[in-house]
Amino acid sequence: MDAEQKNWNDVKARFKTGQEVEGRVTAKTPAGDLVDINAGFTTLLEVSQMPEPPPGQSAADLNPVGSAVKARIASFEETPERQIRLTQK
């Protein structure tokens, strides 16, 4: 097993689907927010997995860069990019 696979296995042992996590928004993208939950890489909180914004605001206005957010682990993407997806719903 290579080091990258071992790191991914360690992450999956520390975090479980449905687990509540807290992290900081590190960047905004058209797909959603990149969030650092101390997994060793940023995770994705997709726009579709954020709560409805208040009237007059968009999803981009929620969770400014640097803000703390709470979410749950929605899934582990077993693609070559190995991504954790988050949800706030």
N, C-alpha and C. Protein backbone atom coordinates (compact mmCIF):
# COMPACT_ATOMS: atom_id res chain seq x y z
N MET A 1 0.85 -1.17 0.00
CA MET A 1 0.00 0.00 0.00
C MET A 1 0.90 1.24 0.00
N ASP A 2 0.62 2.17 -0.91
CA ASP A 2 1.43 3.38 -0.97
C ASP A 2 0.99 4.38 0.10
N ALA A 3 1.80 5.42 0.31
CA ALA A 3 1.55 6.41 1.37
C ALA A 3 0.23 7.15 1.14
N GLU A 4 -0.09 7.45 -0.11
CA GLU A 4 -1.34 8.16 -0.40
C GLU A 4 -2.56 7.33 -0.02
N GLN A 5 -2.54 6.03 -0.34
CA GLN A 5 -3.64 5.15 0.03
C GLN A 5 -3.73 5.01 1.55
N LYS A 6 -2.58 4.91 2.21
CA LYS A 6 -2.58 4.81 3.68
C LYS A 6 -3.18 6.07 4.30
N ASN A 7 -2.82 7.25 3.79
CA ASN A 7 -3.38 8.49 4.30
C ASN A 7 -4.90 8.52 4.12
N TRP A 8 -5.38 8.08 2.94
CA TRP A 8 -6.82 8.05 2.68
C TRP A 8 -7.51 7.09 3.64
N ASN A 9 -6.92 5.93 3.87
CA ASN A 9 -7.50 4.97 4.82
C ASN A 9 -7.53 5.56 6.23
N ASP A 10 -6.49 6.29 6.62
CA ASP A 10 -6.46 6.94 7.94
C ASP A 10 -7.57 7.97 8.06
N VAL A 11 -7.79 8.75 7.01
CA VAL A 11 -8.86 9.76 7.01
C VAL A 11 -10.22 9.07 7.17
N LYS A 12 -10.44 7.98 6.44
CA LYS A 12 -11.72 7.28 6.53
C LYS A 12 -11.90 6.60 7.89
N ALA A 13 -10.82 6.31 8.57
CA ALA A 13 -10.93 5.75 9.92
C ALA A 13 -11.27 6.83 10.95
N ARG A 14 -10.81 8.06 10.71
CA ARG A 14 -11.07 9.17 11.64
C ARG A 14 -12.44 9.80 11.45
N PHE A 15 -12.93 9.81 10.21
CA PHE A 15 -14.20 10.46 9.89
C PHE A 15 -15.17 9.41 9.36
N LYS A 16 -16.43 9.55 9.73
CA LYS A 16 -17.46 8.61 9.30
C LYS A 16 -18.60 9.37 8.61
N THR A 17 -19.26 8.73 7.67
CA THR A 17 -20.42 9.31 7.03
C THR A 17 -21.45 9.66 8.10
N GLY A 18 -21.99 10.88 8.03
CA GLY A 18 -22.97 11.35 9.01
C GLY A 18 -22.36 12.07 10.20
N GLN A 19 -21.04 11.96 10.37
CA GLN A 19 -20.36 12.62 11.49
C GLN A 19 -20.42 14.13 11.34
N GLU A 20 -20.73 14.83 12.43
CA GLU A 20 -20.70 16.29 12.42
C GLU A 20 -19.25 16.75 12.57
N VAL A 21 -18.87 17.71 11.74
CA VAL A 21 -17.52 18.26 11.77
C VAL A 21 -17.60 19.78 11.75
N GLU A 22 -16.54 20.41 12.19
CA GLU A 22 -16.44 21.86 12.13
C GLU A 22 -15.15 22.20 11.42
N GLY A 23 -15.19 23.21 10.61
CA GLY A 23 -14.01 23.62 9.88
C GLY A 23 -14.08 25.09 9.48
N ARG A 24 -13.08 25.53 8.73
CA ARG A 24 -13.02 26.92 8.25
C ARG A 24 -13.10 26.93 6.74
N VAL A 25 -13.87 27.87 6.22
CA VAL A 25 -13.96 28.04 4.77
C VAL A 25 -12.64 28.65 4.30
N THR A 26 -12.00 27.96 3.35
CA THR A 26 -10.71 28.44 2.84
C THR A 26 -10.84 29.09 1.47
N ALA A 27 -11.90 28.76 0.73
CA ALA A 27 -12.10 29.34 -0.60
C ALA A 27 -13.55 29.13 -1.03
N LYS A 28 -13.98 29.99 -1.95
CA LYS A 28 -15.31 29.88 -2.55
C LYS A 28 -15.10 29.49 -4.01
N THR A 29 -15.91 28.56 -4.52
CA THR A 29 -15.85 28.16 -5.92
C THR A 29 -17.28 28.16 -6.46
N PRO A 30 -17.45 28.12 -7.78
CA PRO A 30 -18.82 28.02 -8.31
C PRO A 30 -19.56 26.79 -7.81
N ALA A 31 -18.84 25.71 -7.52
CA ALA A 31 -19.48 24.48 -7.04
C ALA A 31 -19.86 24.55 -5.56
N GLY A 32 -19.17 25.39 -4.79
CA GLY A 32 -19.43 25.48 -3.36
C GLY A 32 -18.22 25.96 -2.61
N ASP A 33 -18.21 25.69 -1.31
CA ASP A 33 -17.14 26.16 -0.44
C ASP A 33 -16.14 25.04 -0.18
N LEU A 34 -14.85 25.40 -0.17
CA LEU A 34 -13.82 24.47 0.25
C LEU A 34 -13.59 24.70 1.73
N VAL A 35 -13.65 23.63 2.50
CA VAL A 35 -13.62 23.72 3.95
C VAL A 35 -12.49 22.85 4.50
N ASP A 36 -11.70 23.42 5.40
CA ASP A 36 -10.62 22.68 6.07
C ASP A 36 -11.17 22.10 7.36
N ILE A 37 -11.29 20.78 7.41
CA ILE A 37 -11.77 20.09 8.62
C ILE A 37 -10.64 19.31 9.28
N ASN A 38 -9.40 19.65 8.94
CA ASN A 38 -8.20 18.97 9.45
C ASN A 38 -8.12 17.52 9.00
N ALA A 39 -8.49 17.29 7.74
CA ALA A 39 -8.36 15.96 7.15
C ALA A 39 -7.06 15.81 6.39
N GLY A 40 -6.31 16.90 6.24
CA GLY A 40 -5.08 16.87 5.46
C GLY A 40 -5.28 17.43 4.06
N PHE A 41 -6.52 17.74 3.72
CA PHE A 41 -6.88 18.36 2.45
C PHE A 41 -8.24 19.03 2.65
N THR A 42 -8.59 19.95 1.75
CA THR A 42 -9.88 20.62 1.90
C THR A 42 -11.00 19.72 1.43
N THR A 43 -12.17 19.93 1.98
CA THR A 43 -13.37 19.18 1.64
C THR A 43 -14.34 20.11 0.93
N LEU A 44 -15.34 19.56 0.27
CA LEU A 44 -16.28 20.36 -0.51
C LEU A 44 -17.65 20.40 0.13
N LEU A 45 -18.15 21.60 0.35
CA LEU A 45 -19.53 21.83 0.77
C LEU A 45 -20.23 22.42 -0.45
N GLU A 46 -20.93 21.56 -1.20
CA GLU A 46 -21.57 21.99 -2.44
C GLU A 46 -22.70 22.97 -2.15
N VAL A 47 -22.91 23.87 -3.10
CA VAL A 47 -23.98 24.87 -2.98
C VAL A 47 -25.31 24.16 -2.71
N SER A 48 -25.56 23.05 -3.38
CA SER A 48 -26.83 22.33 -3.21
C SER A 48 -26.98 21.73 -1.82
N GLN A 49 -25.90 21.67 -1.05
CA GLN A 49 -25.94 21.09 0.30
C GLN A 49 -25.90 22.14 1.40
N MET A 50 -26.06 23.42 1.00
CA MET A 50 -26.12 24.52 1.97
C MET A 50 -27.59 24.85 2.24
N PRO A 51 -27.88 25.44 3.39
CA PRO A 51 -29.26 25.85 3.65
C PRO A 51 -29.68 26.96 2.71
N GLU A 52 -30.98 27.16 2.56
CA GLU A 52 -31.50 28.25 1.73
C GLU A 52 -31.03 29.58 2.31
N PRO A 53 -30.47 30.45 1.47
CA PRO A 53 -30.05 31.76 1.98
C PRO A 53 -31.26 32.64 2.27
N PRO A 54 -31.11 33.63 3.15
CA PRO A 54 -32.21 34.56 3.43
C PRO A 54 -32.59 35.32 2.16
N PRO A 55 -33.81 35.84 2.10
CA PRO A 55 -34.23 36.60 0.93
C PRO A 55 -33.24 37.74 0.63
N GLY A 56 -32.93 37.91 -0.64
CA GLY A 56 -32.01 38.96 -1.05
C GLY A 56 -30.56 38.56 -1.03
N GLN A 57 -30.26 37.34 -0.58
CA GLN A 57 -28.88 36.85 -0.56
C GLN A 57 -28.78 35.60 -1.43
N SER A 58 -27.55 35.25 -1.78
CA SER A 58 -27.32 34.02 -2.53
C SER A 58 -26.49 33.07 -1.68
N ALA A 59 -26.32 31.85 -2.15
CA ALA A 59 -25.51 30.87 -1.42
C ALA A 59 -24.07 31.37 -1.27
N ALA A 60 -23.61 32.18 -2.23
CA ALA A 60 -22.25 32.73 -2.15
C ALA A 60 -22.09 33.67 -0.95
N ASP A 61 -23.20 34.23 -0.45
CA ASP A 61 -23.15 35.14 0.69
C ASP A 61 -23.06 34.39 2.03
N LEU A 62 -23.43 33.12 2.03
CA LEU A 62 -23.35 32.31 3.27
C LEU A 62 -21.89 31.99 3.53
N ASN A 63 -21.44 31.72 4.65
CA ASN A 63 -20.10 31.20 4.94
C ASN A 63 -18.96 31.96 4.25
N PRO A 64 -18.67 33.19 4.63
CA PRO A 64 -17.54 33.91 4.02
C PRO A 64 -16.21 33.19 4.27
N VAL A 65 -15.24 33.44 3.40
CA VAL A 65 -13.90 32.85 3.57
C VAL A 65 -13.38 33.21 4.96
N GLY A 66 -12.86 32.22 5.67
CA GLY A 66 -12.35 32.41 7.02
C GLY A 66 -13.36 32.09 8.11
N SER A 67 -14.64 31.95 7.74
CA SER A 67 -15.66 31.69 8.76
C SER A 67 -15.66 30.22 9.17
N ALA A 68 -16.09 29.99 10.40
CA ALA A 68 -16.24 28.63 10.91
C ALA A 68 -17.60 28.11 10.46
N VAL A 69 -17.64 26.86 10.03
CA VAL A 69 -18.89 26.24 9.62
C VAL A 69 -19.02 24.87 10.26
N LYS A 70 -20.26 24.47 10.51
CA LYS A 70 -20.55 23.12 10.96
C LYS A 70 -21.27 22.41 9.83
N ALA A 71 -20.93 21.16 9.63
CA ALA A 71 -21.55 20.36 8.59
C ALA A 71 -21.42 18.89 8.99
N ARG A 72 -21.98 18.03 8.16
CA ARG A 72 -21.85 16.58 8.36
C ARG A 72 -21.15 15.98 7.14
N ILE A 73 -20.45 14.89 7.36
CA ILE A 73 -19.84 14.16 6.25
C ILE A 73 -20.96 13.52 5.45
N ALA A 74 -21.09 13.88 4.18
CA ALA A 74 -22.12 13.29 3.32
C ALA A 74 -21.61 12.04 2.63
N SER A 75 -20.37 12.09 2.15
CA SER A 75 -19.84 10.93 1.44
C SER A 75 -18.33 11.04 1.27
N PHE A 76 -17.75 9.90 0.97
CA PHE A 76 -16.35 9.80 0.59
C PHE A 76 -16.32 9.44 -0.88
N GLU A 77 -15.71 10.27 -1.69
CA GLU A 77 -15.64 10.02 -3.12
C GLU A 77 -14.40 9.19 -3.42
N GLU A 78 -14.61 7.97 -3.85
CA GLU A 78 -13.52 7.04 -4.13
C GLU A 78 -13.01 7.22 -5.57
N THR A 79 -12.83 8.46 -5.96
CA THR A 79 -12.28 8.79 -7.27
C THR A 79 -10.78 9.01 -7.11
N PRO A 80 -10.05 9.18 -8.20
CA PRO A 80 -8.61 9.45 -8.05
C PRO A 80 -8.33 10.71 -7.21
N GLU A 81 -9.27 11.67 -7.18
CA GLU A 81 -9.07 12.89 -6.40
C GLU A 81 -9.34 12.67 -4.91
N ARG A 82 -10.06 11.61 -4.56
CA ARG A 82 -10.38 11.28 -3.17
C ARG A 82 -10.87 12.51 -2.41
N GLN A 83 -12.15 12.74 -2.49
CA GLN A 83 -12.76 13.93 -1.91
C GLN A 83 -13.77 13.52 -0.84
N ILE A 84 -13.87 14.37 0.18
CA ILE A 84 -14.94 14.24 1.17
C ILE A 84 -15.95 15.32 0.85
N ARG A 85 -17.20 14.93 0.76
CA ARG A 85 -18.28 15.90 0.50
C ARG A 85 -19.04 16.12 1.80
N LEU A 86 -19.39 17.39 2.02
CA LEU A 86 -20.09 17.81 3.24
C LEU A 86 -21.52 18.22 2.93
N THR A 87 -22.36 18.24 3.95
CA THR A 87 -23.72 18.73 3.82
C THR A 87 -24.10 19.52 5.07
N GLN A 88 -24.93 20.53 4.87
CA GLN A 88 -25.51 21.27 5.99
C GLN A 88 -27.02 21.05 6.03
N LYS A 89 -27.51 20.11 5.26
CA LYS A 89 -28.97 19.82 5.24
C LYS A 89 -29.28 18.63 6.08
